[in-house]
Amino acid sequence: MEFKNGLGDTAIQNVMENHPKIGEILERYEIGCVTCKVGICLLKDVVSIHGLSKEQEEAVEKEINEYLERPTDH
């Protein structure tokens, strides 16, 4: 997975702290990182370990990258 700005290599707790909208995107795909108390998984790993199909993984990646390209949403 390739996320813009190297965000894939960032701990999910930091991603969601800086980009709460990404938590909303993950929740739509039943990835429950918003409620996780640990939060040290990297964004790229979070998506890959949740048993999504290749198409779903690609959709998550695309949706997050499109969000990151919209400067007014950050």
PDB file of N, CA and C in Angstrom:
ATOM      1  N   MET A   1       0.836  -1.176   0.000  1.00  0.00           N
ATOM      2  CA  MET A   1       0.000   0.000   0.000  1.00  0.00           C
ATOM      3  C   MET A   1       0.881   1.240   0.000  1.00  0.00           C
ATOM      4  N   GLU A   2       0.476   2.184  -0.784  1.00  0.00           N
ATOM      5  CA  GLU A   2       1.189   3.458  -0.867  1.00  0.00           C
ATOM      6  C   GLU A   2       0.243   4.585  -0.490  1.00  0.00           C
ATOM      7  N   PHE A   3       0.525   5.218   0.634  1.00  0.00           N
ATOM      8  CA  PHE A   3      -0.262   6.370   1.040  1.00  0.00           C
ATOM      9  C   PHE A   3       0.553   7.634   0.855  1.00  0.00           C
ATOM     10  N   LYS A   4      -0.113   8.692   0.471  1.00  0.00           N
ATOM     11  CA  LYS A   4       0.549   9.982   0.236  1.00  0.00           C
ATOM     12  C   LYS A   4       1.267  10.446   1.489  1.00  0.00           C
ATOM     13  N   ASN A   5       2.321  11.211   1.288  1.00  0.00           N
ATOM     14  CA  ASN A   5       3.095  11.840   2.368  1.00  0.00           C
ATOM     15  C   ASN A   5       3.714  10.835   3.339  1.00  0.00           C
ATOM     16  N   GLY A   6       3.903   9.584   2.895  1.00  0.00           N
ATOM     17  CA  GLY A   6       4.498   8.568   3.764  1.00  0.00           C
ATOM     18  C   GLY A   6       3.619   8.186   4.946  1.00  0.00           C
ATOM     19  N   LEU A   7       2.340   8.493   4.863  1.00  0.00           N
ATOM     20  CA  LEU A   7       1.428   8.263   5.977  1.00  0.00           C
ATOM     21  C   LEU A   7       1.282   6.786   6.316  1.00  0.00           C
ATOM     22  N   GLY A   8       1.555   5.908   5.385  1.00  0.00           N
ATOM     23  CA  GLY A   8       1.461   4.470   5.640  1.00  0.00           C
ATOM     24  C   GLY A   8       2.404   3.991   6.716  1.00  0.00           C
ATOM     25  N   ASP A   9       3.505   4.715   6.931  1.00  0.00           N
ATOM     26  CA  ASP A   9       4.502   4.344   7.930  1.00  0.00           C
ATOM     27  C   ASP A   9       4.285   5.072   9.255  1.00  0.00           C
ATOM     28  N   THR A  10       3.089   5.589   9.471  1.00  0.00           N
ATOM     29  CA  THR A  10       2.751   6.333  10.681  1.00  0.00           C
ATOM     30  C   THR A  10       1.821   5.490  11.549  1.00  0.00           C
ATOM     31  N   ALA A  11       2.037   5.542  12.868  1.00  0.00           N
ATOM     32  CA  ALA A  11       1.170   4.816  13.804  1.00  0.00           C
ATOM     33  C   ALA A  11      -0.262   5.311  13.653  1.00  0.00           C
ATOM     34  N   ILE A  12      -1.201   4.373  13.684  1.00  0.00           N
ATOM     35  CA  ILE A  12      -2.598   4.704  13.430  1.00  0.00           C
ATOM     36  C   ILE A  12      -3.138   5.727  14.420  1.00  0.00           C
ATOM     37  N   GLN A  13      -2.703   5.701  15.671  1.00  0.00           N
ATOM     38  CA  GLN A  13      -3.187   6.699  16.635  1.00  0.00           C
ATOM     39  C   GLN A  13      -2.789   8.104  16.212  1.00  0.00           C
ATOM     40  N   ASN A  14      -1.600   8.259  15.658  1.00  0.00           N
ATOM     41  CA  ASN A  14      -1.156   9.568  15.185  1.00  0.00           C
ATOM     42  C   ASN A  14      -1.885   9.976  13.913  1.00  0.00           C
ATOM     43  N   VAL A  15      -2.148   8.999  13.048  1.00  0.00           N
ATOM     44  CA  VAL A  15      -2.886   9.273  11.812  1.00  0.00           C
ATOM     45  C   VAL A  15      -4.259   9.822  12.161  1.00  0.00           C
ATOM     46  N   MET A  16      -4.963   9.137  13.058  1.00  0.00           N
ATOM     47  CA  MET A  16      -6.324   9.545  13.385  1.00  0.00           C
ATOM     48  C   MET A  16      -6.365  10.832  14.203  1.00  0.00           C
ATOM     49  N   GLU A  17      -5.333  11.068  14.979  1.00  0.00           N
ATOM     50  CA  GLU A  17      -5.263  12.321  15.733  1.00  0.00           C
ATOM     51  C   GLU A  17      -5.148  13.507  14.776  1.00  0.00           C
ATOM     52  N   ASN A  18      -4.330  13.355  13.755  1.00  0.00           N
ATOM     53  CA  ASN A  18      -4.114  14.430  12.788  1.00  0.00           C
ATOM     54  C   ASN A  18      -5.135  14.446  11.658  1.00  0.00           C
ATOM     55  N   HIS A  19      -5.763  13.294  11.390  1.00  0.00           N
ATOM     56  CA  HIS A  19      -6.712  13.164  10.275  1.00  0.00           C
ATOM     57  C   HIS A  19      -7.901  12.311  10.723  1.00  0.00           C
ATOM     58  N   PRO A  20      -8.782  12.841  11.569  1.00  0.00           N
ATOM     59  CA  PRO A  20      -9.919  12.046  12.059  1.00  0.00           C
ATOM     60  C   PRO A  20     -10.783  11.463  10.941  1.00  0.00           C
ATOM     61  N   LYS A  21     -10.794  12.101   9.809  1.00  0.00           N
ATOM     62  CA  LYS A  21     -11.585  11.613   8.670  1.00  0.00           C
ATOM     63  C   LYS A  21     -11.095  10.231   8.218  1.00  0.00           C
ATOM     64  N   ILE A  22      -9.809   9.957   8.363  1.00  0.00           N
ATOM     65  CA  ILE A  22      -9.281   8.642   7.987  1.00  0.00           C
ATOM     66  C   ILE A  22      -9.890   7.561   8.886  1.00  0.00           C
ATOM     67  N   GLY A  23     -10.114   7.872  10.160  1.00  0.00           N
ATOM     68  CA  GLY A  23     -10.800   6.936  11.055  1.00  0.00           C
ATOM     69  C   GLY A  23     -12.194   6.620  10.548  1.00  0.00           C
ATOM     70  N   GLU A  24     -12.885   7.629  10.024  1.00  0.00           N
ATOM     71  CA  GLU A  24     -14.226   7.421   9.465  1.00  0.00           C
ATOM     72  C   GLU A  24     -14.162   6.508   8.237  1.00  0.00           C
ATOM     73  N   ILE A  25     -13.149   6.722   7.411  1.00  0.00           N
ATOM     74  CA  ILE A  25     -12.984   5.874   6.218  1.00  0.00           C
ATOM     75  C   ILE A  25     -12.757   4.432   6.646  1.00  0.00           C
ATOM     76  N   LEU A  26     -11.873   4.209   7.606  1.00  0.00           N
ATOM     77  CA  LEU A  26     -11.572   2.848   8.065  1.00  0.00           C
ATOM     78  C   LEU A  26     -12.807   2.186   8.665  1.00  0.00           C
ATOM     79  N   GLU A  27     -13.587   2.941   9.427  1.00  0.00           N
ATOM     80  CA  GLU A  27     -14.795   2.381  10.033  1.00  0.00           C
ATOM     81  C   GLU A  27     -15.785   1.892   8.978  1.00  0.00           C
ATOM     82  N   ARG A  28     -15.870   2.587   7.854  1.00  0.00           N
ATOM     83  CA  ARG A  28     -16.781   2.157   6.791  1.00  0.00           C
ATOM     84  C   ARG A  28     -16.406   0.783   6.248  1.00  0.00           C
ATOM     85  N   TYR A  29     -15.144   0.411   6.390  1.00  0.00           N
ATOM     86  CA  TYR A  29     -14.677  -0.897   5.939  1.00  0.00           C
ATOM     87  C   TYR A  29     -14.544  -1.873   7.112  1.00  0.00           C
ATOM     88  N   GLU A  30     -15.195  -1.540   8.222  1.00  0.00           N
ATOM     89  CA  GLU A  30     -15.206  -2.367   9.430  1.00  0.00           C
ATOM     90  C   GLU A  30     -13.812  -2.601  10.009  1.00  0.00           C
ATOM     91  N   ILE A  31     -12.971  -1.594   9.902  1.00  0.00           N
ATOM     92  CA  ILE A  31     -11.653  -1.615  10.542  1.00  0.00           C
ATOM     93  C   ILE A  31     -11.783  -0.729  11.772  1.00  0.00           C
ATOM     94  N   GLY A  32     -11.785  -1.353  12.942  1.00  0.00           N
ATOM     95  CA  GLY A  32     -12.129  -0.657  14.178  1.00  0.00           C
ATOM     96  C   GLY A  32     -10.979   0.010  14.903  1.00  0.00           C
ATOM     97  N   CYS A  33     -10.133   0.709  14.211  1.00  0.00           N
ATOM     98  CA  CYS A  33      -8.987   1.354  14.847  1.00  0.00           C
ATOM     99  C   CYS A  33      -9.379   2.529  15.744  1.00  0.00           C
ATOM    100  N   VAL A  34     -10.508   3.112  15.488  1.00  0.00           N
ATOM    101  CA  VAL A  34     -10.923   4.273  16.270  1.00  0.00           C
ATOM    102  C   VAL A  34     -11.087   3.886  17.737  1.00  0.00           C
ATOM    103  N   THR A  35     -11.553   2.680  18.012  1.00  0.00           N
ATOM    104  CA  THR A  35     -11.773   2.255  19.392  1.00  0.00           C
ATOM    105  C   THR A  35     -10.585   1.502  19.996  1.00  0.00           C
ATOM    106  N   CYS A  36      -9.564   1.226  19.209  1.00  0.00           N
ATOM    107  CA  CYS A  36      -8.381   0.503  19.710  1.00  0.00           C
ATOM    108  C   CYS A  36      -7.620   1.375  20.694  1.00  0.00           C
ATOM    109  N   LYS A  37      -7.240   0.794  21.809  1.00  0.00           N
ATOM    110  CA  LYS A  37      -6.519   1.546  22.842  1.00  0.00           C
ATOM    111  C   LYS A  37      -5.002   1.482  22.659  1.00  0.00           C
ATOM    112  N   VAL A  38      -4.512   0.607  21.815  1.00  0.00           N
ATOM    113  CA  VAL A  38      -3.070   0.473  21.618  1.00  0.00           C
ATOM    114  C   VAL A  38      -2.598   1.502  20.596  1.00  0.00           C
ATOM    115  N   GLY A  39      -3.074   1.393  19.366  1.00  0.00           N
ATOM    116  CA  GLY A  39      -2.832   2.402  18.348  1.00  0.00           C
ATOM    117  C   GLY A  39      -1.431   2.513  17.790  1.00  0.00           C
ATOM    118  N   ILE A  40      -0.606   1.472  17.966  1.00  0.00           N
ATOM    119  CA  ILE A  40       0.766   1.572  17.467  1.00  0.00           C
ATOM    120  C   ILE A  40       0.965   0.938  16.096  1.00  0.00           C
ATOM    121  N   CYS A  41      -0.060   0.263  15.577  1.00  0.00           N
ATOM    122  CA  CYS A  41       0.043  -0.334  14.242  1.00  0.00           C
ATOM    123  C   CYS A  41       0.227   0.763  13.206  1.00  0.00           C
ATOM    124  N   LEU A  42       0.985   0.459  12.177  1.00  0.00           N
ATOM    125  CA  LEU A  42       1.162   1.411  11.086  1.00  0.00           C
ATOM    126  C   LEU A  42      -0.074   1.379  10.201  1.00  0.00           C
ATOM    127  N   LEU A  43      -0.409   2.515   9.616  1.00  0.00           N
ATOM    128  CA  LEU A  43      -1.585   2.599   8.756  1.00  0.00           C
ATOM    129  C   LEU A  43      -1.559   1.521   7.678  1.00  0.00           C
ATOM    130  N   LYS A  44      -0.429   1.334   7.009  1.00  0.00           N
ATOM    131  CA  LYS A  44      -0.357   0.348   5.925  1.00  0.00           C
ATOM    132  C   LYS A  44      -0.606  -1.066   6.433  1.00  0.00           C
ATOM    133  N   ASP A  45      -0.214  -1.358   7.671  1.00  0.00           N
ATOM    134  CA  ASP A  45      -0.425  -2.683   8.245  1.00  0.00           C
ATOM    135  C   ASP A  45      -1.864  -2.871   8.695  1.00  0.00           C
ATOM    136  N   VAL A  46      -2.445  -1.819   9.230  1.00  0.00           N
ATOM    137  CA  VAL A  46      -3.826  -1.871   9.702  1.00  0.00           C
ATOM    138  C   VAL A  46      -4.751  -2.322   8.580  1.00  0.00           C
ATOM    139  N   VAL A  47      -4.564  -1.772   7.418  1.00  0.00           N
ATOM    140  CA  VAL A  47      -5.428  -2.127   6.297  1.00  0.00           C
ATOM    141  C   VAL A  47      -5.164  -3.569   5.861  1.00  0.00           C
ATOM    142  N   SER A  48      -3.906  -3.961   5.802  1.00  0.00           N
ATOM    143  CA  SER A  48      -3.583  -5.288   5.269  1.00  0.00           C
ATOM    144  C   SER A  48      -3.932  -6.435   6.221  1.00  0.00           C
ATOM    145  N   ILE A  49      -3.980  -6.223   7.525  1.00  0.00           N
ATOM    146  CA  ILE A  49      -4.217  -7.332   8.460  1.00  0.00           C
ATOM    147  C   ILE A  49      -5.696  -7.593   8.745  1.00  0.00           C
ATOM    148  N   HIS A  50      -6.580  -6.800   8.190  1.00  0.00           N
ATOM    149  CA  HIS A  50      -7.989  -6.956   8.514  1.00  0.00           C
ATOM    150  C   HIS A  50      -8.770  -7.831   7.530  1.00  0.00           C
ATOM    151  N   GLY A  51      -8.083  -8.588   6.706  1.00  0.00           N
ATOM    152  CA  GLY A  51      -8.724  -9.586   5.872  1.00  0.00           C
ATOM    153  C   GLY A  51      -9.643  -9.035   4.796  1.00  0.00           C
ATOM    154  N   LEU A  52      -9.336  -7.841   4.314  1.00  0.00           N
ATOM    155  CA  LEU A  52     -10.130  -7.280   3.227  1.00  0.00           C
ATOM    156  C   LEU A  52      -9.722  -7.922   1.910  1.00  0.00           C
ATOM    157  N   SER A  53     -10.617  -7.914   0.962  1.00  0.00           N
ATOM    158  CA  SER A  53     -10.257  -8.388  -0.369  1.00  0.00           C
ATOM    159  C   SER A  53      -9.291  -7.391  -1.001  1.00  0.00           C
ATOM    160  N   LYS A  54      -8.622  -7.818  -2.041  1.00  0.00           N
ATOM    161  CA  LYS A  54      -7.692  -6.935  -2.753  1.00  0.00           C
ATOM    162  C   LYS A  54      -8.425  -5.690  -3.232  1.00  0.00           C
ATOM    163  N   GLU A  55      -9.641  -5.860  -3.718  1.00  0.00           N
ATOM    164  CA  GLU A  55     -10.431  -4.732  -4.209  1.00  0.00           C
ATOM    165  C   GLU A  55     -10.770  -3.760  -3.081  1.00  0.00           C
ATOM    166  N   GLN A  56     -11.113  -4.305  -1.901  1.00  0.00           N
ATOM    167  CA  GLN A  56     -11.424  -3.444  -0.760  1.00  0.00           C
ATOM    168  C   GLN A  56     -10.181  -2.688  -0.293  1.00  0.00           C
ATOM    169  N   GLU A  57      -9.040  -3.377  -0.252  1.00  0.00           N
ATOM    170  CA  GLU A  57      -7.788  -2.708   0.124  1.00  0.00           C
ATOM    171  C   GLU A  57      -7.486  -1.565  -0.830  1.00  0.00           C
ATOM    172  N   GLU A  58      -7.660  -1.821  -2.118  1.00  0.00           N
ATOM    173  CA  GLU A  58      -7.416  -0.778  -3.115  1.00  0.00           C
ATOM    174  C   GLU A  58      -8.390   0.386  -2.937  1.00  0.00           C
ATOM    175  N   ALA A  59      -9.625   0.078  -2.586  1.00  0.00           N
ATOM    176  CA  ALA A  59     -10.624   1.131  -2.379  1.00  0.00           C
ATOM    177  C   ALA A  59     -10.269   1.988  -1.167  1.00  0.00           C
ATOM    178  N   VAL A  60      -9.813   1.359  -0.078  1.00  0.00           N
ATOM    179  CA  VAL A  60      -9.403   2.099   1.117  1.00  0.00           C
ATOM    180  C   VAL A  60      -8.224   3.004   0.778  1.00  0.00           C
ATOM    181  N   GLU A  61      -7.231   2.430   0.116  1.00  0.00           N
ATOM    182  CA  GLU A  61      -6.042   3.196  -0.270  1.00  0.00           C
ATOM    183  C   GLU A  61      -6.438   4.400  -1.128  1.00  0.00           C
ATOM    184  N   LYS A  62      -7.288   4.175  -2.109  1.00  0.00           N
ATOM    185  CA  LYS A  62      -7.716   5.245  -3.006  1.00  0.00           C
ATOM    186  C   LYS A  62      -8.476   6.325  -2.245  1.00  0.00           C
ATOM    187  N   GLU A  63      -9.394   5.915  -1.387  1.00  0.00           N
ATOM    188  CA  GLU A  63     -10.209   6.878  -0.647  1.00  0.00           C
ATOM    189  C   GLU A  63      -9.349   7.726   0.297  1.00  0.00           C
ATOM    190  N   ILE A  64      -8.410   7.097   0.979  1.00  0.00           N
ATOM    191  CA  ILE A  64      -7.533   7.847   1.880  1.00  0.00           C
ATOM    192  C   ILE A  64      -6.650   8.801   1.088  1.00  0.00           C
ATOM    193  N   ASN A  65      -6.079   8.340  -0.007  1.00  0.00           N
ATOM    194  CA  ASN A  65      -5.224   9.211  -0.814  1.00  0.00           C
ATOM    195  C   ASN A  65      -6.007  10.370  -1.416  1.00  0.00           C
ATOM    196  N   GLU A  66      -7.244  10.120  -1.837  1.00  0.00           N
ATOM    197  CA  GLU A  66      -8.069  11.217  -2.355  1.00  0.00           C
ATOM    198  C   GLU A  66      -8.357  12.236  -1.264  1.00  0.00           C
ATOM    199  N   TYR A  67      -8.630  11.758  -0.050  1.00  0.00           N
ATOM    200  CA  TYR A  67      -8.822  12.660   1.083  1.00  0.00           C
ATOM    201  C   TYR A  67      -7.570  13.504   1.318  1.00  0.00           C
ATOM    202  N   LEU A  68      -6.396  12.877   1.270  1.00  0.00           N
ATOM    203  CA  LEU A  68      -5.149  13.585   1.527  1.00  0.00           C
ATOM    204  C   LEU A  68      -4.832  14.625   0.446  1.00  0.00           C
ATOM    205  N   GLU A  69      -5.368  14.435  -0.745  1.00  0.00           N
ATOM    206  CA  GLU A  69      -5.127  15.386  -1.831  1.00  0.00           C
ATOM    207  C   GLU A  69      -5.998  16.638  -1.713  1.00  0.00           C
ATOM    208  N   ARG A  70      -7.022  16.610  -0.858  1.00  0.00           N
ATOM    209  CA  ARG A  70      -7.915  17.758  -0.693  1.00  0.00           C
ATOM    210  C   ARG A  70      -7.437  18.594   0.479  1.00  0.00           C
ATOM    211  N   PRO A  71      -6.689  19.658   0.244  1.00  0.00           N
ATOM    212  CA  PRO A  71      -6.105  20.433   1.337  1.00  0.00           C
ATOM    213  C   PRO A  71      -7.130  21.087   2.258  1.00  0.00           C
ATOM    214  N   THR A  72      -8.326  21.319   1.797  1.00  0.00           N
ATOM    215  CA  THR A  72      -9.319  21.979   2.648  1.00  0.00           C
ATOM    216  C   THR A  72      -9.905  21.037   3.699  1.00  0.00           C
ATOM    217  N   ASP A  73      -9.721  19.728   3.553  1.00  0.00           N
ATOM    218  CA  ASP A  73     -10.282  18.761   4.487  1.00  0.00           C
ATOM    219  C   ASP A  73      -9.351  18.460   5.654  1.00  0.00           C
ATOM    220  N   HIS A  74      -8.190  19.024   5.704  1.00  0.00           N
ATOM    221  CA  HIS A  74      -7.215  18.640   6.766  1.00  0.00           C
ATOM    222  C   HIS A  74      -7.250  19.638   7.864  1.00  0.00           C
TER     223      HIS A  74
END
